[in-house]
Amino acid sequence: MHDHPTHGSHDHQHGEGCGHTAIRHQGHTDYLHDGHLHHAHGDHTDEHVISVGQANRDECTPSHACGGHAQGHAHGPACGHDGVPHGDHVDYLVGGHLHHPHGGHCDDHGKLELA
């Protein structure tokens, strides 16, 4: 029995060179996979979420302009950017930081450390 969220029936083995973006998270490496943040743990795969906090805030930043994509780019499941679970929503990894589509602009929800 697991006392934390897990991803059921996950046959893929995450690791170096597996094809998924690796993120340093809470002292270990997680992998972005289809909008999930996976961590191989024992005989199962944990579902992780980037917590809202000092490093990864959940606030509106309408003046954010990183140049990581064209103006008017619409983030979504097939936009070309990895989806990242952040708090109670999904952000998109662009140029090493989290973009959150909101009100016709992208909010900056902080940096992530790539592994």
PDB file of N, CA and C in Angstrom:
ATOM      1  N   MET A   1       0.843  -1.173   0.000  1.00  0.00           N
ATOM      2  CA  MET A   1       0.000   0.000   0.000  1.00  0.00           C
ATOM      3  C   MET A   1       0.894   1.245   0.000  1.00  0.00           C
ATOM      4  N   HIS A   2       0.554   2.236  -0.818  1.00  0.00           N
ATOM      5  CA  HIS A   2       1.329   3.467  -0.924  1.00  0.00           C
ATOM      6  C   HIS A   2       0.564   4.591  -0.234  1.00  0.00           C
ATOM      7  N   ASP A   3       1.290   5.445   0.497  1.00  0.00           N
ATOM      8  CA  ASP A   3       0.649   6.566   1.179  1.00  0.00           C
ATOM      9  C   ASP A   3       0.862   7.877   0.440  1.00  0.00           C
ATOM     10  N   HIS A   4       1.137   7.787  -0.855  1.00  0.00           N
ATOM     11  CA  HIS A   4       1.345   8.967  -1.684  1.00  0.00           C
ATOM     12  C   HIS A   4       0.795   8.692  -3.083  1.00  0.00           C
ATOM     13  N   PRO A   5       0.508   9.759  -3.859  1.00  0.00           N
ATOM     14  CA  PRO A   5      -0.071   9.551  -5.195  1.00  0.00           C
ATOM     15  C   PRO A   5       0.888   8.810  -6.132  1.00  0.00           C
ATOM     16  N   THR A   6       0.355   7.820  -6.815  1.00  0.00           N
ATOM     17  CA  THR A   6       1.157   7.056  -7.773  1.00  0.00           C
ATOM     18  C   THR A   6       0.485   7.061  -9.139  1.00  0.00           C
ATOM     19  N   HIS A   7       1.265   6.736 -10.155  1.00  0.00           N
ATOM     20  CA  HIS A   7       0.769   6.644 -11.519  1.00  0.00           C
ATOM     21  C   HIS A   7       0.562   5.164 -11.816  1.00  0.00           C
ATOM     22  N   GLY A   8      -0.679   4.750 -11.984  1.00  0.00           N
ATOM     23  CA  GLY A   8      -0.996   3.348 -12.227  1.00  0.00           C
ATOM     24  C   GLY A   8      -0.545   2.867 -13.600  1.00  0.00           C
ATOM     25  N   SER A   9      -0.214   1.607 -13.671  1.00  0.00           N
ATOM     26  CA  SER A   9       0.186   0.912 -14.914  1.00  0.00           C
ATOM     27  C   SER A   9       1.134   1.739 -15.780  1.00  0.00           C
ATOM     28  N   HIS A  10       2.272   2.082 -15.219  1.00  0.00           N
ATOM     29  CA  HIS A  10       3.284   2.863 -15.942  1.00  0.00           C
ATOM     30  C   HIS A  10       4.444   1.942 -16.307  1.00  0.00           C
ATOM     31  N   ASP A  11       4.466   1.493 -17.569  1.00  0.00           N
ATOM     32  CA  ASP A  11       5.463   0.524 -18.011  1.00  0.00           C
ATOM     33  C   ASP A  11       6.787   1.153 -18.419  1.00  0.00           C
ATOM     34  N   HIS A  12       6.796   2.437 -18.743  1.00  0.00           N
ATOM     35  CA  HIS A  12       8.011   3.120 -19.195  1.00  0.00           C
ATOM     36  C   HIS A  12       9.015   3.238 -18.048  1.00  0.00           C
ATOM     37  N   GLN A  13      10.284   2.976 -18.333  1.00  0.00           N
ATOM     38  CA  GLN A  13      11.345   3.133 -17.346  1.00  0.00           C
ATOM     39  C   GLN A  13      12.015   4.487 -17.537  1.00  0.00           C
ATOM     40  N   HIS A  14      11.812   5.418 -16.600  1.00  0.00           N
ATOM     41  CA  HIS A  14      12.456   6.720 -16.674  1.00  0.00           C
ATOM     42  C   HIS A  14      13.900   6.605 -16.221  1.00  0.00           C
ATOM     43  N   GLY A  15      14.757   7.372 -16.885  1.00  0.00           N
ATOM     44  CA  GLY A  15      16.170   7.405 -16.540  1.00  0.00           C
ATOM     45  C   GLY A  15      16.919   8.195 -17.584  1.00  0.00           C
ATOM     46  N   GLU A  16      18.205   8.351 -17.385  1.00  0.00           N
ATOM     47  CA  GLU A  16      19.033   9.111 -18.315  1.00  0.00           C
ATOM     48  C   GLU A  16      18.866   8.572 -19.736  1.00  0.00           C
ATOM     49  N   GLY A  17      18.542   9.468 -20.659  1.00  0.00           N
ATOM     50  CA  GLY A  17      18.383   9.092 -22.065  1.00  0.00           C
ATOM     51  C   GLY A  17      17.032   8.487 -22.405  1.00  0.00           C
ATOM     52  N   CYS A  18      16.040   8.558 -21.515  1.00  0.00           N
ATOM     53  CA  CYS A  18      14.739   7.935 -21.787  1.00  0.00           C
ATOM     54  C   CYS A  18      13.874   8.766 -22.737  1.00  0.00           C
ATOM     55  N   GLY A  19      14.289  10.017 -23.010  1.00  0.00           N
ATOM     56  CA  GLY A  19      13.532  10.852 -23.931  1.00  0.00           C
ATOM     57  C   GLY A  19      12.624  11.868 -23.269  1.00  0.00           C
ATOM     58  N   HIS A  20      12.549  11.858 -21.952  1.00  0.00           N
ATOM     59  CA  HIS A  20      11.715  12.819 -21.237  1.00  0.00           C
ATOM     60  C   HIS A  20      12.592  13.845 -20.514  1.00  0.00           C
ATOM     61  N   THR A  21      12.089  15.053 -20.383  1.00  0.00           N
ATOM     62  CA  THR A  21      12.826  16.119 -19.722  1.00  0.00           C
ATOM     63  C   THR A  21      12.995  15.795 -18.246  1.00  0.00           C
ATOM     64  N   ALA A  22      14.239  15.871 -17.779  1.00  0.00           N
ATOM     65  CA  ALA A  22      14.566  15.573 -16.385  1.00  0.00           C
ATOM     66  C   ALA A  22      14.639  16.880 -15.593  1.00  0.00           C
ATOM     67  N   ILE A  23      14.016  16.878 -14.417  1.00  0.00           N
ATOM     68  CA  ILE A  23      13.923  18.039 -13.533  1.00  0.00           C
ATOM     69  C   ILE A  23      14.487  17.667 -12.167  1.00  0.00           C
ATOM     70  N   ARG A  24      15.308  18.539 -11.580  1.00  0.00           N
ATOM     71  CA  ARG A  24      15.734  18.366 -10.186  1.00  0.00           C
ATOM     72  C   ARG A  24      14.598  18.874  -9.303  1.00  0.00           C
ATOM     73  N   HIS A  25      14.126  18.019  -8.411  1.00  0.00           N
ATOM     74  CA  HIS A  25      12.962  18.352  -7.590  1.00  0.00           C
ATOM     75  C   HIS A  25      13.113  17.687  -6.229  1.00  0.00           C
ATOM     76  N   GLN A  26      13.166  18.468  -5.180  1.00  0.00           N
ATOM     77  CA  GLN A  26      13.216  17.970  -3.804  1.00  0.00           C
ATOM     78  C   GLN A  26      14.335  16.949  -3.578  1.00  0.00           C
ATOM     79  N   GLY A  27      15.508  17.235  -4.143  1.00  0.00           N
ATOM     80  CA  GLY A  27      16.674  16.396  -3.903  1.00  0.00           C
ATOM     81  C   GLY A  27      16.793  15.150  -4.762  1.00  0.00           C
ATOM     82  N   HIS A  28      15.962  15.010  -5.774  1.00  0.00           N
ATOM     83  CA  HIS A  28      16.043  13.857  -6.666  1.00  0.00           C
ATOM     84  C   HIS A  28      15.683  14.302  -8.086  1.00  0.00           C
ATOM     85  N   THR A  29      15.657  13.374  -9.017  1.00  0.00           N
ATOM     86  CA  THR A  29      15.318  13.670 -10.406  1.00  0.00           C
ATOM     87  C   THR A  29      13.931  13.126 -10.720  1.00  0.00           C
ATOM     88  N   ASP A  30      13.084  14.004 -11.273  1.00  0.00           N
ATOM     89  CA  ASP A  30      11.768  13.621 -11.778  1.00  0.00           C
ATOM     90  C   ASP A  30      11.781  13.800 -13.283  1.00  0.00           C
ATOM     91  N   TYR A  31      10.803  13.210 -13.957  1.00  0.00           N
ATOM     92  CA  TYR A  31      10.721  13.275 -15.409  1.00  0.00           C
ATOM     93  C   TYR A  31       9.349  13.779 -15.834  1.00  0.00           C
ATOM     94  N   LEU A  32       9.350  14.735 -16.775  1.00  0.00           N
ATOM     95  CA  LEU A  32       8.098  15.253 -17.329  1.00  0.00           C
ATOM     96  C   LEU A  32       7.612  14.289 -18.397  1.00  0.00           C
ATOM     97  N   HIS A  33       6.380  13.830 -18.252  1.00  0.00           N
ATOM     98  CA  HIS A  33       5.831  12.823 -19.153  1.00  0.00           C
ATOM     99  C   HIS A  33       4.332  13.069 -19.321  1.00  0.00           C
ATOM    100  N   ASP A  34       3.948  13.575 -20.502  1.00  0.00           N
ATOM    101  CA  ASP A  34       2.529  13.789 -20.832  1.00  0.00           C
ATOM    102  C   ASP A  34       1.785  14.610 -19.773  1.00  0.00           C
ATOM    103  N   GLY A  35       2.402  15.705 -19.321  1.00  0.00           N
ATOM    104  CA  GLY A  35       1.769  16.577 -18.346  1.00  0.00           C
ATOM    105  C   GLY A  35       1.863  16.101 -16.911  1.00  0.00           C
ATOM    106  N   HIS A  36       2.628  15.044 -16.670  1.00  0.00           N
ATOM    107  CA  HIS A  36       2.832  14.507 -15.326  1.00  0.00           C
ATOM    108  C   HIS A  36       4.294  14.703 -14.941  1.00  0.00           C
ATOM    109  N   LEU A  37       4.561  14.725 -13.651  1.00  0.00           N
ATOM    110  CA  LEU A  37       5.919  14.780 -13.118  1.00  0.00           C
ATOM    111  C   LEU A  37       6.141  13.462 -12.394  1.00  0.00           C
ATOM    112  N   HIS A  38       6.931  12.566 -13.016  1.00  0.00           N
ATOM    113  CA  HIS A  38       7.095  11.204 -12.530  1.00  0.00           C
ATOM    114  C   HIS A  38       8.405  11.013 -11.786  1.00  0.00           C
ATOM    115  N   HIS A  39       8.341  10.208 -10.736  1.00  0.00           N
ATOM    116  CA  HIS A  39       9.530   9.815  -9.985  1.00  0.00           C
ATOM    117  C   HIS A  39       9.469   8.309  -9.750  1.00  0.00           C
ATOM    118  N   ALA A  40      10.451   7.581 -10.339  1.00  0.00           N
ATOM    119  CA  ALA A  40      10.511   6.138 -10.122  1.00  0.00           C
ATOM    120  C   ALA A  40      10.867   5.890  -8.665  1.00  0.00           C
ATOM    121  N   HIS A  41      10.069   5.064  -8.008  1.00  0.00           N
ATOM    122  CA  HIS A  41      10.215   4.859  -6.563  1.00  0.00           C
ATOM    123  C   HIS A  41       9.870   3.414  -6.245  1.00  0.00           C
ATOM    124  N   GLY A  42      10.889   2.631  -5.936  1.00  0.00           N
ATOM    125  CA  GLY A  42      10.644   1.221  -5.621  1.00  0.00           C
ATOM    126  C   GLY A  42      10.026   0.505  -6.800  1.00  0.00           C
ATOM    127  N   ASP A  43       8.884  -0.109  -6.582  1.00  0.00           N
ATOM    128  CA  ASP A  43       8.216  -0.890  -7.626  1.00  0.00           C
ATOM    129  C   ASP A  43       7.098  -0.112  -8.314  1.00  0.00           C
ATOM    130  N   HIS A  44       7.086   1.244  -8.163  1.00  0.00           N
ATOM    131  CA  HIS A  44       6.008   2.045  -8.739  1.00  0.00           C
ATOM    132  C   HIS A  44       6.539   3.423  -9.151  1.00  0.00           C
ATOM    133  N   THR A  45       5.665   4.211  -9.740  1.00  0.00           N
ATOM    134  CA  THR A  45       6.014   5.566 -10.173  1.00  0.00           C
ATOM    135  C   THR A  45       5.152   6.560  -9.405  1.00  0.00           C
ATOM    136  N   ASP A  46       5.824   7.467  -8.683  1.00  0.00           N
ATOM    137  CA  ASP A  46       5.119   8.500  -7.930  1.00  0.00           C
ATOM    138  C   ASP A  46       4.714   9.639  -8.841  1.00  0.00           C
ATOM    139  N   GLU A  47       3.591  10.263  -8.529  1.00  0.00           N
ATOM    140  CA  GLU A  47       3.117  11.484  -9.181  1.00  0.00           C
ATOM    141  C   GLU A  47       3.533  12.660  -8.307  1.00  0.00           C
ATOM    142  N   HIS A  48       4.410  13.525  -8.818  1.00  0.00           N
ATOM    143  CA  HIS A  48       4.840  14.696  -8.068  1.00  0.00           C
ATOM    144  C   HIS A  48       4.244  15.960  -8.662  1.00  0.00           C
ATOM    145  N   VAL A  49       4.242  17.016  -7.866  1.00  0.00           N
ATOM    146  CA  VAL A  49       3.723  18.321  -8.268  1.00  0.00           C
ATOM    147  C   VAL A  49       4.711  19.370  -7.765  1.00  0.00           C
ATOM    148  N   ILE A  50       4.993  20.371  -8.587  1.00  0.00           N
ATOM    149  CA  ILE A  50       5.805  21.496  -8.138  1.00  0.00           C
ATOM    150  C   ILE A  50       4.934  22.314  -7.182  1.00  0.00           C
ATOM    151  N   SER A  51       5.382  22.472  -5.962  1.00  0.00           N
ATOM    152  CA  SER A  51       4.612  23.205  -4.953  1.00  0.00           C
ATOM    153  C   SER A  51       4.627  24.699  -5.234  1.00  0.00           C
ATOM    154  N   VAL A  52       3.535  25.352  -4.905  1.00  0.00           N
ATOM    155  CA  VAL A  52       3.474  26.807  -4.954  1.00  0.00           C
ATOM    156  C   VAL A  52       4.209  27.318  -3.718  1.00  0.00           C
ATOM    157  N   GLY A  53       5.144  28.223  -3.925  1.00  0.00           N
ATOM    158  CA  GLY A  53       5.913  28.763  -2.815  1.00  0.00           C
ATOM    159  C   GLY A  53       6.819  29.886  -3.289  1.00  0.00           C
ATOM    160  N   GLN A  54       7.824  30.205  -2.512  1.00  0.00           N
ATOM    161  CA  GLN A  54       8.721  31.318  -2.803  1.00  0.00           C
ATOM    162  C   GLN A  54       9.373  31.178  -4.181  1.00  0.00           C
ATOM    163  N   ALA A  55       9.874  30.000  -4.520  1.00  0.00           N
ATOM    164  CA  ALA A  55      10.566  29.806  -5.794  1.00  0.00           C
ATOM    165  C   ALA A  55       9.613  29.691  -6.981  1.00  0.00           C
ATOM    166  N   ASN A  56       8.434  29.169  -6.754  1.00  0.00           N
ATOM    167  CA  ASN A  56       7.464  28.942  -7.828  1.00  0.00           C
ATOM    168  C   ASN A  56       6.109  29.481  -7.396  1.00  0.00           C
ATOM    169  N   ARG A  57       5.984  30.782  -7.517  1.00  0.00           N
ATOM    170  CA  ARG A  57       4.763  31.480  -7.096  1.00  0.00           C
ATOM    171  C   ARG A  57       3.627  31.211  -8.073  1.00  0.00           C
ATOM    172  N   ASP A  58       2.445  31.523  -7.631  1.00  0.00           N
ATOM    173  CA  ASP A  58       1.234  31.399  -8.448  1.00  0.00           C
ATOM    174  C   ASP A  58       0.582  32.777  -8.481  1.00  0.00           C
ATOM    175  N   GLU A  59       1.168  33.655  -9.297  1.00  0.00           N
ATOM    176  CA  GLU A  59       0.658  35.023  -9.350  1.00  0.00           C
ATOM    177  C   GLU A  59       0.642  35.522 -10.790  1.00  0.00           C
ATOM    178  N   CYS A  60      -0.137  36.551 -11.009  1.00  0.00           N
ATOM    179  CA  CYS A  60      -0.260  37.154 -12.332  1.00  0.00           C
ATOM    180  C   CYS A  60       0.929  38.079 -12.571  1.00  0.00           C
ATOM    181  N   THR A  61       1.616  37.868 -13.705  1.00  0.00           N
ATOM    182  CA  THR A  61       2.758  38.703 -14.090  1.00  0.00           C
ATOM    183  C   THR A  61       2.575  39.155 -15.544  1.00  0.00           C
ATOM    184  N   PRO A  62       1.631  40.063 -15.790  1.00  0.00           N
ATOM    185  CA  PRO A  62       1.299  40.441 -17.169  1.00  0.00           C
ATOM    186  C   PRO A  62       2.440  41.100 -17.940  1.00  0.00           C
ATOM    187  N   SER A  63       3.464  41.600 -17.260  1.00  0.00           N
ATOM    188  CA  SER A  63       4.580  42.232 -17.963  1.00  0.00           C
ATOM    189  C   SER A  63       5.677  41.231 -18.336  1.00  0.00           C
ATOM    190  N   HIS A  64       5.497  39.950 -18.010  1.00  0.00           N
ATOM    191  CA  HIS A  64       6.510  38.933 -18.318  1.00  0.00           C
ATOM    192  C   HIS A  64       6.679  38.795 -19.832  1.00  0.00           C
ATOM    193  N   ALA A  65       7.925  38.895 -20.280  1.00  0.00           N
ATOM    194  CA  ALA A  65       8.250  38.722 -21.701  1.00  0.00           C
ATOM    195  C   ALA A  65       9.612  38.057 -21.805  1.00  0.00           C
ATOM    196  N   CYS A  66       9.641  36.735 -21.953  1.00  0.00           N
ATOM    197  CA  CYS A  66      10.922  36.024 -21.976  1.00  0.00           C
ATOM    198  C   CYS A  66      11.433  35.782 -23.382  1.00  0.00           C
ATOM    199  N   GLY A  67      10.586  35.878 -24.380  1.00  0.00           N
ATOM    200  CA  GLY A  67      11.018  35.591 -25.742  1.00  0.00           C
ATOM    201  C   GLY A  67      11.164  34.116 -26.048  1.00  0.00           C
ATOM    202  N   GLY A  68      10.667  33.252 -25.184  1.00  0.00           N
ATOM    203  CA  GLY A  68      10.778  31.807 -25.376  1.00  0.00           C
ATOM    204  C   GLY A  68       9.817  31.243 -26.404  1.00  0.00           C
ATOM    205  N   HIS A  69       8.878  32.066 -26.836  1.00  0.00           N
ATOM    206  CA  HIS A  69       7.953  31.668 -27.900  1.00  0.00           C
ATOM    207  C   HIS A  69       7.367  32.930 -28.514  1.00  0.00           C
ATOM    208  N   ALA A  70       6.770  32.772 -29.663  1.00  0.00           N
ATOM    209  CA  ALA A  70       6.185  33.921 -30.369  1.00  0.00           C
ATOM    210  C   ALA A  70       5.004  34.489 -29.589  1.00  0.00           C
ATOM    211  N   GLN A  71       4.822  35.792 -29.683  1.00  0.00           N
ATOM    212  CA  GLN A  71       3.658  36.416 -29.068  1.00  0.00           C
ATOM    213  C   GLN A  71       2.408  35.806 -29.704  1.00  0.00           C
ATOM    214  N   GLY A  72       1.428  35.503 -28.914  1.00  0.00           N
ATOM    215  CA  GLY A  72       0.214  34.870 -29.421  1.00  0.00           C
ATOM    216  C   GLY A  72       0.263  33.355 -29.380  1.00  0.00           C
ATOM    217  N   HIS A  73       1.414  32.769 -28.995  1.00  0.00           N
ATOM    218  CA  HIS A  73       1.528  31.313 -28.870  1.00  0.00           C
ATOM    219  C   HIS A  73       0.502  30.817 -27.850  1.00  0.00           C
ATOM    220  N   ALA A  74      -0.189  29.756 -28.175  1.00  0.00           N
ATOM    221  CA  ALA A  74      -1.192  29.186 -27.268  1.00  0.00           C
ATOM    222  C   ALA A  74      -0.641  27.906 -26.646  1.00  0.00           C
ATOM    223  N   HIS A  75      -0.418  27.927 -25.331  1.00  0.00           N
ATOM    224  CA  HIS A  75       0.036  26.728 -24.632  1.00  0.00           C
ATOM    225  C   HIS A  75      -1.107  25.738 -24.507  1.00  0.00           C
ATOM    226  N   GLY A  76      -0.757  24.465 -24.619  1.00  0.00           N
ATOM    227  CA  GLY A  76      -1.726  23.388 -24.497  1.00  0.00           C
ATOM    228  C   GLY A  76      -1.025  22.061 -24.686  1.00  0.00           C
ATOM    229  N   PRO A  77      -1.751  20.963 -24.644  1.00  0.00           N
ATOM    230  CA  PRO A  77      -1.157  19.625 -24.697  1.00  0.00           C
ATOM    231  C   PRO A  77      -0.265  19.354 -25.915  1.00  0.00           C
ATOM    232  N   ALA A  78      -0.486  20.010 -27.032  1.00  0.00           N
ATOM    233  CA  ALA A  78       0.319  19.740 -28.235  1.00  0.00           C
ATOM    234  C   ALA A  78       1.095  20.974 -28.695  1.00  0.00           C
ATOM    235  N   CYS A  79       1.428  21.880 -27.773  1.00  0.00           N
ATOM    236  CA  CYS A  79       2.070  23.146 -28.161  1.00  0.00           C
ATOM    237  C   CYS A  79       3.571  23.039 -28.354  1.00  0.00           C
ATOM    238  N   GLY A  80       4.184  21.912 -27.940  1.00  0.00           N
ATOM    239  CA  GLY A  80       5.624  21.754 -28.074  1.00  0.00           C
ATOM    240  C   GLY A  80       6.397  22.028 -26.793  1.00  0.00           C
ATOM    241  N   HIS A  81       5.718  22.454 -25.740  1.00  0.00           N
ATOM    242  CA  HIS A  81       6.354  22.674 -24.443  1.00  0.00           C
ATOM    243  C   HIS A  81       5.847  21.625 -23.457  1.00  0.00           C
ATOM    244  N   ASP A  82       6.744  21.159 -22.581  1.00  0.00           N
ATOM    245  CA  ASP A  82       6.352  20.173 -21.577  1.00  0.00           C
ATOM    246  C   ASP A  82       5.373  20.771 -20.579  1.00  0.00           C
ATOM    247  N   GLY A  83       4.273  20.069 -20.325  1.00  0.00           N
ATOM    248  CA  GLY A  83       3.351  20.445 -19.264  1.00  0.00           C
ATOM    249  C   GLY A  83       3.933  20.051 -17.924  1.00  0.00           C
ATOM    250  N   VAL A  84       3.756  20.925 -16.915  1.00  0.00           N
ATOM    251  CA  VAL A  84       4.305  20.698 -15.579  1.00  0.00           C
ATOM    252  C   VAL A  84       3.207  20.926 -14.541  1.00  0.00           C
ATOM    253  N   PRO A  85       2.861  19.911 -13.750  1.00  0.00           N
ATOM    254  CA  PRO A  85       1.885  20.135 -12.686  1.00  0.00           C
ATOM    255  C   PRO A  85       2.469  21.087 -11.642  1.00  0.00           C
ATOM    256  N   HIS A  86       1.741  22.180 -11.375  1.00  0.00           N
ATOM    257  CA  HIS A  86       2.190  23.208 -10.430  1.00  0.00           C
ATOM    258  C   HIS A  86       1.001  23.601  -9.567  1.00  0.00           C
ATOM    259  N   GLY A  87       1.071  23.249  -8.301  1.00  0.00           N
ATOM    260  CA  GLY A  87      -0.070  23.523  -7.422  1.00  0.00           C
ATOM    261  C   GLY A  87      -1.300  22.805  -7.940  1.00  0.00           C
ATOM    262  N   ASP A  88      -2.371  23.576  -8.203  1.00  0.00           N
ATOM    263  CA  ASP A  88      -3.628  22.993  -8.676  1.00  0.00           C
ATOM    264  C   ASP A  88      -3.861  23.188 -10.168  1.00  0.00           C
ATOM    265  N   HIS A  89      -2.788  23.502 -10.932  1.00  0.00           N
ATOM    266  CA  HIS A  89      -2.935  23.755 -12.361  1.00  0.00           C
ATOM    267  C   HIS A  89      -1.732  23.195 -13.127  1.00  0.00           C
ATOM    268  N   VAL A  90      -1.723  23.361 -14.441  1.00  0.00           N
ATOM    269  CA  VAL A  90      -0.608  22.927 -15.282  1.00  0.00           C
ATOM    270  C   VAL A  90       0.038  24.163 -15.882  1.00  0.00           C
ATOM    271  N   ASP A  91       1.362  24.254 -15.750  1.00  0.00           N
ATOM    272  CA  ASP A  91       2.165  25.275 -16.404  1.00  0.00           C
ATOM    273  C   ASP A  91       2.932  24.605 -17.528  1.00  0.00           C
ATOM    274  N   TYR A  92       3.686  25.404 -18.294  1.00  0.00           N
ATOM    275  CA  TYR A  92       4.468  24.885 -19.411  1.00  0.00           C
ATOM    276  C   TYR A  92       5.906  25.341 -19.264  1.00  0.00           C
ATOM    277  N   LEU A  93       6.846  24.409 -19.463  1.00  0.00           N
ATOM    278  CA  LEU A  93       8.266  24.692 -19.320  1.00  0.00           C
ATOM    279  C   LEU A  93       8.776  25.375 -20.586  1.00  0.00           C
ATOM    280  N   VAL A  94       9.226  26.623 -20.428  1.00  0.00           N
ATOM    281  CA  VAL A  94       9.732  27.421 -21.544  1.00  0.00           C
ATOM    282  C   VAL A  94      11.022  28.088 -21.083  1.00  0.00           C
ATOM    283  N   GLY A  95      12.147  27.742 -21.718  1.00  0.00           N
ATOM    284  CA  GLY A  95      13.405  28.376 -21.379  1.00  0.00           C
ATOM    285  C   GLY A  95      13.797  28.232 -19.924  1.00  0.00           C
ATOM    286  N   GLY A  96      13.477  27.101 -19.316  1.00  0.00           N
ATOM    287  CA  GLY A  96      13.873  26.832 -17.943  1.00  0.00           C
ATOM    288  C   GLY A  96      12.961  27.402 -16.873  1.00  0.00           C
ATOM    289  N   HIS A  97      11.849  28.011 -17.268  1.00  0.00           N
ATOM    290  CA  HIS A  97      10.915  28.509 -16.259  1.00  0.00           C
ATOM    291  C   HIS A  97       9.479  28.160 -16.641  1.00  0.00           C
ATOM    292  N   LEU A  98       8.585  28.309 -15.673  1.00  0.00           N
ATOM    293  CA  LEU A  98       7.193  27.918 -15.839  1.00  0.00           C
ATOM    294  C   LEU A  98       6.357  29.058 -16.389  1.00  0.00           C
ATOM    295  N   HIS A  99       5.656  28.778 -17.483  1.00  0.00           N
ATOM    296  CA  HIS A  99       4.698  29.718 -18.060  1.00  0.00           C
ATOM    297  C   HIS A  99       3.300  29.232 -17.734  1.00  0.00           C
ATOM    298  N   HIS A 100       2.460  30.171 -17.315  1.00  0.00           N
ATOM    299  CA  HIS A 100       1.060  29.849 -17.054  1.00  0.00           C
ATOM    300  C   HIS A 100       0.199  30.748 -17.929  1.00  0.00           C
ATOM    301  N   PRO A 101      -0.512  30.146 -18.922  1.00  0.00           N
ATOM    302  CA  PRO A 101      -1.373  30.974 -19.771  1.00  0.00           C
ATOM    303  C   PRO A 101      -2.516  31.559 -18.952  1.00  0.00           C
ATOM    304  N   HIS A 102      -2.698  32.881 -19.084  1.00  0.00           N
ATOM    305  CA  HIS A 102      -3.696  33.546 -18.253  1.00  0.00           C
ATOM    306  C   HIS A 102      -4.050  34.902 -18.854  1.00  0.00           C
ATOM    307  N   GLY A 103      -5.307  35.115 -19.147  1.00  0.00           N
ATOM    308  CA  GLY A 103      -5.787  36.427 -19.570  1.00  0.00           C
ATOM    309  C   GLY A 103      -5.088  37.008 -20.784  1.00  0.00           C
ATOM    310  N   GLY A 104      -4.714  36.185 -21.748  1.00  0.00           N
ATOM    311  CA  GLY A 104      -4.076  36.685 -22.969  1.00  0.00           C
ATOM    312  C   GLY A 104      -2.577  36.903 -22.851  1.00  0.00           C
ATOM    313  N   HIS A 105      -1.972  36.466 -21.748  1.00  0.00           N
ATOM    314  CA  HIS A 105      -0.520  36.572 -21.591  1.00  0.00           C
ATOM    315  C   HIS A 105      -0.024  35.335 -20.835  1.00  0.00           C
ATOM    316  N   CYS A 106       1.289  35.227 -20.673  1.00  0.00           N
ATOM    317  CA  CYS A 106       1.880  34.133 -19.898  1.00  0.00           C
ATOM    318  C   CYS A 106       2.435  34.687 -18.598  1.00  0.00           C
ATOM    319  N   ASP A 107       1.973  34.131 -17.479  1.00  0.00           N
ATOM    320  CA  ASP A 107       2.534  34.469 -16.182  1.00  0.00           C
ATOM    321  C   ASP A 107       3.821  33.685 -15.970  1.00  0.00           C
ATOM    322  N   ASP A 108       4.796  34.276 -15.312  1.00  0.00           N
ATOM    323  CA  ASP A 108       6.048  33.616 -14.950  1.00  0.00           C
ATOM    324  C   ASP A 108       5.880  33.024 -13.568  1.00  0.00           C
ATOM    325  N   HIS A 109       5.872  31.684 -13.480  1.00  0.00           N
ATOM    326  CA  HIS A 109       5.697  31.000 -12.194  1.00  0.00           C
ATOM    327  C   HIS A 109       7.002  30.444 -11.658  1.00  0.00           C
ATOM    328  N   GLY A 110       8.133  30.969 -12.101  1.00  0.00           N
ATOM    329  CA  GLY A 110       9.428  30.631 -11.524  1.00  0.00           C
ATOM    330  C   GLY A 110      10.229  29.625 -12.321  1.00  0.00           C
ATOM    331  N   LYS A 111      11.487  29.510 -11.928  1.00  0.00           N
ATOM    332  CA  LYS A 111      12.437  28.622 -12.615  1.00  0.00           C
ATOM    333  C   LYS A 111      12.360  27.216 -12.094  1.00  0.00           C
ATOM    334  N   LEU A 112      12.768  26.285 -12.969  1.00  0.00           N
ATOM    335  CA  LEU A 112      12.977  24.889 -12.583  1.00  0.00           C
ATOM    336  C   LEU A 112      14.425  24.553 -12.911  1.00  0.00           C
ATOM    337  N   GLU A 113      15.003  23.641 -12.143  1.00  0.00           N
ATOM    338  CA  GLU A 113      16.371  23.201 -12.399  1.00  0.00           C
ATOM    339  C   GLU A 113      16.322  21.946 -13.258  1.00  0.00           C
ATOM    340  N   LEU A 114      16.846  22.061 -14.476  1.00  0.00           N
ATOM    341  CA  LEU A 114      16.914  20.897 -15.350  1.00  0.00           C
ATOM    342  C   LEU A 114      18.042  19.986 -14.879  1.00  0.00           C
ATOM    343  N   ALA A 115      17.824  18.687 -14.956  1.00  0.00           N
ATOM    344  CA  ALA A 115      18.855  17.735 -14.522  1.00  0.00           C
ATOM    345  C   ALA A 115      19.716  17.316 -15.696  1.00  0.00           C
TER     346      ALA A 115
END
